[in-house]
């Protein structure tokens, strides 16, 4: 995200660079992302341990200290992100409008959710401890802010929303058709098919290829419908998986190809200057490619250029 000024960066500008998603060559921002991601993982492990009474009693002091430290870090991060949001250039909006835009953005809401359970607890709301733990597990959503792969996946889901919606529509049609059919064919024979909503449980389990086996058709026609439902489930799940996987692979390939073209252009004179390397690093950051991928592409292109010259 661009800053308001390209002159001497202010403290707020530096904080913005630190808190923004780490890019190639920006070590401080990357380390900040690694630290916050690691802290989230530690929090999830602590929540799991707290659910075991014996372990919670034995390590209660350590778990409380980790939670207090995490709360301090996440609260500081949330306040800092509100503060630095004013440094983002967004269509000439005022500083307050930029901050409000962050607060009500998906990332801002996720950051708030990360500290909300503790805020409610400290405010004196008598929440069930189990619900507090579940709400704290929502901190896992924050990892998507620090991992480029999640951003790419969300982009793919947004771009392929129409094919995915069509596939989901087929899945819903199959679910309602099979549920209604089993209700007519098996409703008087089994408890699990006494109504269409009851039959939907079997339909969902079958279409998603889980197959718990707690209920299953017993009549000849019911088994035919069950077989067709299972086949339809395999087809639709495979279609959805294929759409996402293919689009994800194409997007990653396109990004690498874009960076590769930049590297080839920079190597026209045989070497990559410091300015050209900065441009490559900037492009890699914008494309959310890792440092290892950049180094691999540079080595590959240098090797290919050397072989061509030998010919």
Protein backbone atom coordinates (compact mmCIF):
# COMPACT_ATOMS: atom_id res chain seq x y z
CA UNK A 1 0.00 0.00 0.00
CA UNK A 2 1.37 3.36 -1.00
CA UNK A 3 2.20 5.99 1.58
CA UNK A 4 1.16 9.60 1.53
CA UNK A 5 4.69 10.89 1.19
CA UNK A 6 7.81 9.60 -0.53
CA UNK A 7 10.00 12.04 1.44
CA UNK A 8 11.40 11.32 4.87
CA UNK A 9 9.17 8.57 6.33
CA UNK A 10 7.49 9.36 9.62
CA UNK A 11 7.21 7.01 12.59
CA UNK A 12 3.69 6.16 11.50
CA UNK A 13 4.91 5.33 7.98
CA UNK A 14 7.58 3.02 9.40
CA UNK A 15 5.00 1.33 11.62
CA UNK A 16 2.76 0.85 8.59
CA UNK A 17 5.57 -0.90 6.68
CA UNK A 18 6.21 -3.11 9.70
CA UNK A 19 2.57 -4.12 10.13
CA UNK A 20 1.77 -4.56 6.45
CA UNK A 21 2.15 -8.06 5.05
CA UNK A 22 5.86 -8.86 4.79
CA UNK A 23 7.29 -8.64 1.30
CA UNK A 24 10.48 -9.88 -0.33
CA UNK A 25 13.47 -8.01 1.06
CA UNK A 26 11.58 -6.48 4.01
CA UNK A 27 13.11 -8.53 6.84
CA UNK A 28 11.55 -6.60 9.73
CA UNK A 29 8.03 -6.96 8.37
CA UNK A 30 8.57 -10.65 7.60
CA UNK A 31 9.87 -11.34 11.11
CA UNK A 32 6.86 -9.49 12.55
CA UNK A 33 4.55 -11.73 10.51
CA UNK A 34 6.42 -14.85 11.65
CA UNK A 35 6.21 -13.78 15.30
CA UNK A 36 2.47 -13.05 15.18
CA UNK A 37 1.73 -16.28 13.27
CA UNK A 38 3.76 -18.28 15.79
CA UNK A 39 1.96 -16.60 18.69
CA UNK A 40 -1.40 -17.56 17.17
CA UNK A 41 -0.30 -21.20 16.87
CA UNK A 42 0.88 -21.18 20.50
CA UNK A 43 -2.50 -19.74 21.53
CA UNK A 44 -4.38 -22.52 19.77
CA UNK A 45 -2.23 -25.16 21.49
CA UNK A 46 -2.84 -23.51 24.87
CA UNK A 47 -6.60 -23.49 24.27
CA UNK A 48 -6.48 -27.22 23.52
CA UNK A 49 -4.47 -27.86 26.69
CA UNK A 50 -6.90 -25.79 28.78
CA UNK A 51 -9.74 -28.09 27.74
CA UNK A 52 -8.02 -31.00 29.55
CA UNK A 53 -8.82 -30.49 33.27
CA UNK A 54 -5.68 -32.22 34.58
CA UNK A 55 -3.34 -30.23 32.33
CA UNK A 56 -5.20 -26.97 32.97
CA UNK A 57 -4.80 -27.48 36.73
CA UNK A 58 -1.13 -28.41 36.47
CA UNK A 59 -0.06 -25.66 34.04
CA UNK A 60 -2.68 -23.01 34.84
CA UNK A 61 -0.16 -20.29 35.78
CA UNK A 62 1.85 -20.72 32.56
CA UNK A 63 -1.28 -20.78 30.41
CA UNK A 64 -2.61 -17.63 32.08
CA UNK A 65 0.72 -15.85 31.54
CA UNK A 66 0.74 -16.80 27.84
CA UNK A 67 -2.84 -15.59 27.43
CA UNK A 68 -2.09 -12.30 29.18
CA UNK A 69 0.99 -11.77 26.99
CA UNK A 70 -0.98 -12.63 23.84
CA UNK A 71 -3.78 -10.28 24.82
CA UNK A 72 -1.27 -7.45 25.28
CA UNK A 73 0.37 -8.14 21.90
CA UNK A 74 -2.87 -8.48 19.92
CA UNK A 75 -4.41 -5.41 21.59
CA UNK A 76 -1.31 -3.35 20.83
CA UNK A 77 -1.32 -4.59 17.24
CA UNK A 78 -5.00 -3.71 16.81
CA UNK A 79 -4.54 -0.19 18.17
CA UNK A 80 -1.40 0.28 16.08
CA UNK A 81 -3.21 -0.79 12.91
CA UNK A 82 -5.95 1.75 13.59
CA UNK A 83 -3.26 4.41 14.08
CA UNK A 84 -1.25 3.60 10.91
CA UNK A 85 -4.38 3.19 8.75
CA UNK A 86 -4.34 6.98 8.37
CA UNK A 87 -1.05 6.70 6.40
CA UNK A 88 -2.64 4.69 3.62
CA UNK A 89 -3.48 6.65 0.48
CA UNK A 90 -7.08 5.78 -0.38
CA UNK A 91 -8.82 8.11 -2.85
CA UNK A 92 -8.15 11.26 -0.85
CA UNK A 93 -10.19 10.05 2.13
CA UNK A 94 -9.71 11.75 5.49
CA UNK A 95 -7.64 10.12 8.23
CA UNK A 96 -10.77 9.25 10.22
CA UNK A 97 -12.41 7.71 7.15
CA UNK A 98 -9.31 5.55 6.53
CA UNK A 99 -9.31 4.36 10.12
CA UNK A 100 -13.01 3.55 10.02
CA UNK A 101 -12.47 1.73 6.73
CA UNK A 102 -9.90 -0.49 8.44
CA UNK A 103 -12.04 -1.04 11.57
CA UNK A 104 -14.98 -2.32 9.52
CA UNK A 105 -12.88 -4.18 6.94
CA UNK A 106 -12.63 -8.01 7.10
CA UNK A 107 -9.08 -7.79 8.47
CA UNK A 108 -10.11 -5.19 11.05
CA UNK A 109 -13.01 -7.33 12.25
CA UNK A 110 -10.73 -10.37 12.51
CA UNK A 111 -8.24 -8.35 14.58
CA UNK A 112 -11.07 -7.26 16.86
CA UNK A 113 -12.33 -10.83 17.24
CA UNK A 114 -8.81 -11.85 18.36
CA UNK A 115 -9.12 -9.71 21.50
CA UNK A 116 -12.92 -9.65 21.94
CA UNK A 117 -13.21 -12.75 24.19
CA UNK A 118 -10.80 -11.28 26.74
CA UNK A 119 -12.45 -7.85 26.55
CA UNK A 120 -15.85 -9.41 27.31
CA UNK A 121 -14.34 -11.41 30.14
CA UNK A 122 -12.58 -8.39 31.68
CA UNK A 123 -15.76 -6.30 31.27
CA UNK A 124 -17.54 -8.66 33.65
CA UNK A 125 -19.76 -10.56 31.22
CA UNK A 126 -20.46 -13.98 32.70
CA UNK A 127 -19.50 -16.06 29.68
CA UNK A 128 -19.21 -19.82 29.82
CA UNK A 129 -15.50 -20.70 29.80
CA UNK A 130 -16.09 -23.12 26.93
CA UNK A 131 -17.52 -20.32 24.77
CA UNK A 132 -14.57 -18.09 25.63
CA UNK A 133 -12.20 -20.81 24.41
CA UNK A 134 -14.15 -21.27 21.18
CA UNK A 135 -14.10 -17.52 20.51
CA UNK A 136 -10.36 -17.41 21.17
CA UNK A 137 -9.91 -20.13 18.54
CA UNK A 138 -11.10 -17.55 16.00
CA UNK A 139 -7.61 -16.05 16.29
CA UNK A 140 -6.67 -18.63 13.69
CA UNK A 141 -8.36 -16.35 11.15
CA UNK A 142 -5.55 -13.82 11.68
CA UNK A 143 -3.00 -16.14 10.07
CA UNK A 144 -4.60 -15.44 6.69
CA UNK A 145 -3.32 -11.85 6.99
CA UNK A 146 0.31 -12.97 7.20
CA UNK A 147 0.37 -15.84 4.68
CA UNK A 148 0.39 -14.95 0.95
CA UNK A 149 -1.01 -18.37 0.02
CA UNK A 150 -4.27 -17.59 1.83
CA UNK A 151 -4.60 -14.30 -0.03
CA UNK A 152 -4.11 -16.13 -3.32
CA UNK A 153 -6.69 -18.75 -2.32
CA UNK A 154 -9.26 -16.08 -1.43
CA UNK A 155 -8.57 -14.36 -4.78
CA UNK A 156 -9.18 -17.67 -6.56
CA UNK A 157 -12.46 -18.25 -4.71
CA UNK A 158 -13.62 -14.75 -5.61
CA UNK A 159 -12.65 -15.08 -9.29
CA UNK A 160 -14.20 -18.53 -9.64
CA UNK A 161 -17.36 -17.72 -7.68
CA UNK A 162 -19.67 -18.24 -10.66
CA UNK A 163 -18.46 -21.75 -11.62
CA UNK A 164 -18.37 -22.67 -7.92
CA UNK A 165 -21.88 -21.32 -7.44
CA UNK A 166 -23.13 -23.41 -10.38
CA UNK A 167 -21.53 -26.52 -8.90
CA UNK A 168 -22.97 -25.74 -5.48
CA UNK A 169 -26.40 -25.34 -7.12
CA UNK A 170 -26.12 -28.85 -8.59
CA UNK A 171 -25.15 -30.14 -5.16
CA UNK A 172 -28.21 -28.51 -3.54
CA UNK A 173 -30.53 -29.87 -6.25
CA UNK A 174 -29.13 -33.36 -5.72
CA UNK A 175 -29.51 -33.00 -1.95
CA UNK A 176 -33.18 -31.97 -2.07
CA UNK A 177 -34.07 -34.50 -4.77
CA UNK A 178 -32.43 -37.41 -2.97
CA UNK A 179 -33.88 -36.36 0.41
CA UNK A 180 -37.40 -36.18 -1.00
CA UNK A 181 -36.97 -39.49 -2.82
CA UNK A 182 -35.72 -41.33 0.26
CA UNK A 183 -38.52 -39.80 2.32
CA UNK A 184 -41.08 -41.31 -0.09
CA UNK A 185 -39.31 -44.66 -0.47
CA UNK A 186 -37.98 -45.24 3.06
CA UNK A 187 -40.09 -43.00 5.31
CA UNK A 188 -42.32 -45.84 6.49
CA UNK A 189 -39.46 -48.30 6.84
CA UNK A 190 -36.85 -46.41 8.91
CA UNK A 191 -36.72 -43.77 11.60
CA UNK A 192 -33.96 -41.83 9.80
CA UNK A 193 -36.20 -41.02 6.81
CA UNK A 194 -39.45 -40.06 8.59
CA UNK A 195 -39.24 -36.50 7.17
CA UNK A 196 -37.36 -34.65 4.43
CA UNK A 197 -35.17 -32.77 6.97
CA UNK A 198 -34.27 -36.13 8.58
CA UNK A 199 -33.39 -37.53 5.15
CA UNK A 200 -31.19 -34.50 4.44
CA UNK A 201 -28.67 -35.75 7.00
CA UNK A 202 -28.18 -38.95 5.00
CA UNK A 203 -28.11 -36.97 1.73
CA UNK A 204 -25.42 -34.56 2.91
CA UNK A 205 -23.28 -37.36 4.32
CA UNK A 206 -23.59 -39.31 1.06
CA UNK A 207 -23.03 -36.36 -1.31
CA UNK A 208 -19.89 -35.27 0.55
CA UNK A 209 -18.60 -38.88 0.30
CA UNK A 210 -18.30 -39.15 4.11
CA UNK A 211 -20.74 -42.05 4.55
CA UNK A 212 -21.10 -42.52 8.31
CA UNK A 213 -23.40 -45.48 7.78
CA UNK A 214 -25.73 -44.65 10.69
CA UNK A 215 -28.68 -44.75 8.26
CA UNK A 216 -28.90 -46.28 4.80
CA UNK A 217 -31.67 -47.29 2.38
CA UNK A 218 -32.98 -50.86 2.56
CA UNK A 219 -35.49 -51.01 -0.31
CA UNK A 220 -34.42 -51.75 -3.88
CA UNK A 221 -35.46 -48.35 -5.24
CA UNK A 222 -33.95 -46.64 -2.21
CA UNK A 223 -30.60 -48.28 -2.93
CA UNK A 224 -30.79 -47.11 -6.56
CA UNK A 225 -31.39 -43.54 -5.40
CA UNK A 226 -28.54 -43.93 -2.89
CA UNK A 227 -26.14 -45.10 -5.59
CA UNK A 228 -27.07 -42.21 -7.90
CA UNK A 229 -26.69 -39.76 -5.01
CA UNK A 230 -23.22 -41.10 -4.21
CA UNK A 231 -22.14 -40.80 -7.86
CA UNK A 232 -23.51 -37.26 -8.06
CA UNK A 233 -21.62 -36.38 -4.89
CA UNK A 234 -18.32 -37.65 -6.24
CA UNK A 235 -18.81 -35.71 -9.48
CA UNK A 236 -19.73 -32.38 -7.87
CA UNK A 237 -17.00 -32.52 -5.20
CA UNK A 238 -14.46 -33.39 -7.90
CA UNK A 239 -15.68 -30.47 -10.02
CA UNK A 240 -15.34 -27.98 -7.16
CA UNK A 241 -11.90 -29.29 -6.24
CA UNK A 242 -10.78 -29.17 -9.86
CA UNK A 243 -12.01 -25.60 -10.37
CA UNK A 244 -10.14 -24.31 -7.31
CA UNK A 245 -6.97 -26.34 -7.91
CA UNK A 246 -6.75 -25.41 -11.59
CA UNK A 247 -7.32 -21.70 -10.97
CA UNK A 248 -4.84 -21.67 -8.09
CA UNK A 249 -2.15 -23.34 -10.21
CA UNK A 250 -2.79 -20.98 -13.14
CA UNK A 251 -2.56 -17.90 -10.92
CA UNK A 252 0.74 -19.02 -9.37
CA UNK A 253 2.11 -19.89 -12.82
CA UNK A 254 1.09 -16.47 -14.18
CA UNK A 255 2.79 -14.69 -11.28
CA UNK A 256 6.03 -16.61 -11.78
CA UNK A 257 5.88 -15.95 -15.53
CA UNK A 258 5.45 -12.21 -14.89
CA UNK A 259 8.46 -12.15 -12.58
CA UNK A 260 10.46 -14.33 -14.96
CA UNK A 261 9.89 -11.85 -17.80
CA UNK A 262 11.14 -9.04 -15.54
CA UNK A 263 14.28 -11.05 -14.71
CA UNK A 264 14.92 -11.83 -18.40
CA UNK A 265 14.60 -8.13 -19.24
CA UNK A 266 17.05 -7.24 -16.46
CA UNK A 267 19.57 -9.84 -17.68
CA UNK A 268 19.73 -8.50 -21.24
CA UNK A 269 23.15 -6.96 -20.49
CA UNK A 270 24.29 -10.08 -18.61
CA UNK A 271 24.06 -8.68 -15.07
CA UNK A 272 21.38 -7.46 -12.70
CA UNK A 273 22.13 -4.02 -11.32
CA UNK A 274 21.13 -2.89 -7.84
CA UNK A 275 18.25 -0.82 -9.21
CA UNK A 276 17.03 -3.73 -11.32
CA UNK A 277 17.23 -6.03 -8.29
CA UNK A 278 15.14 -3.56 -6.31
CA UNK A 279 12.54 -3.57 -9.09
CA UNK A 280 12.52 -7.38 -9.10
CA UNK A 281 12.11 -7.47 -5.32
CA UNK A 282 9.31 -4.92 -5.48
CA UNK A 283 7.50 -6.91 -8.17
CA UNK A 284 8.00 -10.13 -6.19
CA UNK A 285 6.45 -8.49 -3.15
CA UNK A 286 3.48 -7.24 -5.17
CA UNK A 287 3.00 -10.74 -6.63
CA UNK A 288 3.41 -12.27 -3.15
CA UNK A 289 6.25 -14.56 -4.22
CA UNK A 290 8.76 -15.78 -1.67
CA UNK A 291 12.45 -14.91 -1.55
CA UNK A 292 13.34 -18.52 -2.38
CA UNK A 293 11.21 -18.43 -5.53
CA UNK A 294 12.88 -15.21 -6.67
CA UNK A 295 16.38 -16.57 -6.07
CA UNK A 296 15.52 -19.81 -7.88
CA UNK A 297 14.19 -17.93 -10.93
CA UNK A 298 17.27 -15.67 -11.05
CA UNK A 299 19.65 -18.63 -10.87
CA UNK A 300 17.68 -20.48 -13.54
CA UNK A 301 17.67 -17.54 -15.94
CA UNK A 302 21.40 -16.90 -15.41
CA UNK A 303 22.13 -20.56 -16.12
CA UNK A 304 19.93 -20.55 -19.21
CA UNK A 305 21.55 -17.32 -20.46
CA UNK A 306 25.02 -18.83 -19.98
CA UNK A 307 24.12 -21.94 -21.94
CA UNK A 308 22.68 -19.90 -24.80
CA UNK A 309 25.89 -17.88 -25.04
CA UNK A 310 27.99 -21.05 -25.19
CA UNK A 311 25.95 -22.20 -28.17
